[in-house]
Amino acid sequence: MSNDELENYGATRQKRVRIVAWVVIIALLVTGGGATVLALIFG
């Protein structure tokens, strides 16, 4: 694999991780686990 391919893979993976994280956060907020998540984030 060339360096360009590795950079593209890293950027794609980063985008996917970010999307999954947002989906999980939104799902927790919608299902009522939001209080726990917000307590963890904001202390």
C-alpha atoms as a PDB file:
ATOM      1  CA  MET A   1       0.000   0.000   0.000  1.00  0.00           C
ATOM      2  CA  SER A   2       1.252   3.453  -0.817  1.00  0.00           C
ATOM      3  CA  ASN A   3       1.202   6.379   1.555  1.00  0.00           C
ATOM      4  CA  ASP A   4      -1.706   8.002  -0.335  1.00  0.00           C
ATOM      5  CA  GLU A   5      -3.803   4.875   0.096  1.00  0.00           C
ATOM      6  CA  LEU A   6      -3.073   4.829   3.808  1.00  0.00           C
ATOM      7  CA  GLU A   7      -4.052   8.498   4.135  1.00  0.00           C
ATOM      8  CA  ASN A   8      -7.312   7.883   2.264  1.00  0.00           C
ATOM      9  CA  TYR A   9      -8.057   4.862   4.442  1.00  0.00           C
ATOM     10  CA  GLY A  10      -7.382   6.882   7.587  1.00  0.00           C
ATOM     11  CA  ALA A  11      -9.634   9.740   6.475  1.00  0.00           C
ATOM     12  CA  THR A  12     -12.439   7.369   5.506  1.00  0.00           C
ATOM     13  CA  ARG A  13     -12.130   5.496   8.775  1.00  0.00           C
ATOM     14  CA  GLN A  14     -12.136   8.750  10.764  1.00  0.00           C
ATOM     15  CA  LYS A  15     -15.309   9.889   8.997  1.00  0.00           C
ATOM     16  CA  ARG A  16     -16.986   6.533   9.673  1.00  0.00           C
ATOM     17  CA  VAL A  17     -16.008   6.617  13.353  1.00  0.00           C
ATOM     18  CA  ARG A  18     -17.398  10.152  13.686  1.00  0.00           C
ATOM     19  CA  ILE A  19     -20.700   9.175  12.039  1.00  0.00           C
ATOM     20  CA  VAL A  20     -21.063   6.091  14.239  1.00  0.00           C
ATOM     21  CA  ALA A  21     -20.346   8.141  17.362  1.00  0.00           C
ATOM     22  CA  TRP A  22     -23.033  10.704  16.467  1.00  0.00           C
ATOM     23  CA  VAL A  23     -25.555   7.959  15.697  1.00  0.00           C
ATOM     24  CA  VAL A  24     -24.875   6.325  19.060  1.00  0.00           C
ATOM     25  CA  ILE A  25     -25.227   9.634  20.927  1.00  0.00           C
ATOM     26  CA  ILE A  26     -28.487  10.477  19.163  1.00  0.00           C
ATOM     27  CA  ALA A  27     -29.842   6.964  19.746  1.00  0.00           C
ATOM     28  CA  LEU A  28     -29.073   7.239  23.462  1.00  0.00           C
ATOM     29  CA  LEU A  29     -30.763  10.642  23.679  1.00  0.00           C
ATOM     30  CA  VAL A  30     -33.857   9.382  21.855  1.00  0.00           C
ATOM     31  CA  THR A  31     -34.184   6.222  23.940  1.00  0.00           C
ATOM     32  CA  GLY A  32     -33.903   8.035  27.271  1.00  0.00           C
ATOM     33  CA  GLY A  33     -30.279   7.299  28.104  1.00  0.00           C
ATOM     34  CA  GLY A  34     -29.507  10.927  27.382  1.00  0.00           C
ATOM     35  CA  ALA A  35     -29.414  11.997  31.029  1.00  0.00           C
ATOM     36  CA  THR A  36     -26.605   9.539  31.717  1.00  0.00           C
ATOM     37  CA  VAL A  37     -24.668  10.584  28.610  1.00  0.00           C
ATOM     38  CA  LEU A  38     -25.010  14.296  29.393  1.00  0.00           C
ATOM     39  CA  ALA A  39     -23.989  13.681  33.007  1.00  0.00           C
ATOM     40  CA  LEU A  40     -20.861  11.873  31.810  1.00  0.00           C
ATOM     41  CA  ILE A  41     -19.994  14.568  29.257  1.00  0.00           C
ATOM     42  CA  PHE A  42     -20.629  17.631  31.415  1.00  0.00           C
ATOM     43  CA  GLY A  43     -19.781  16.111  34.772  1.00  0.00           C
END
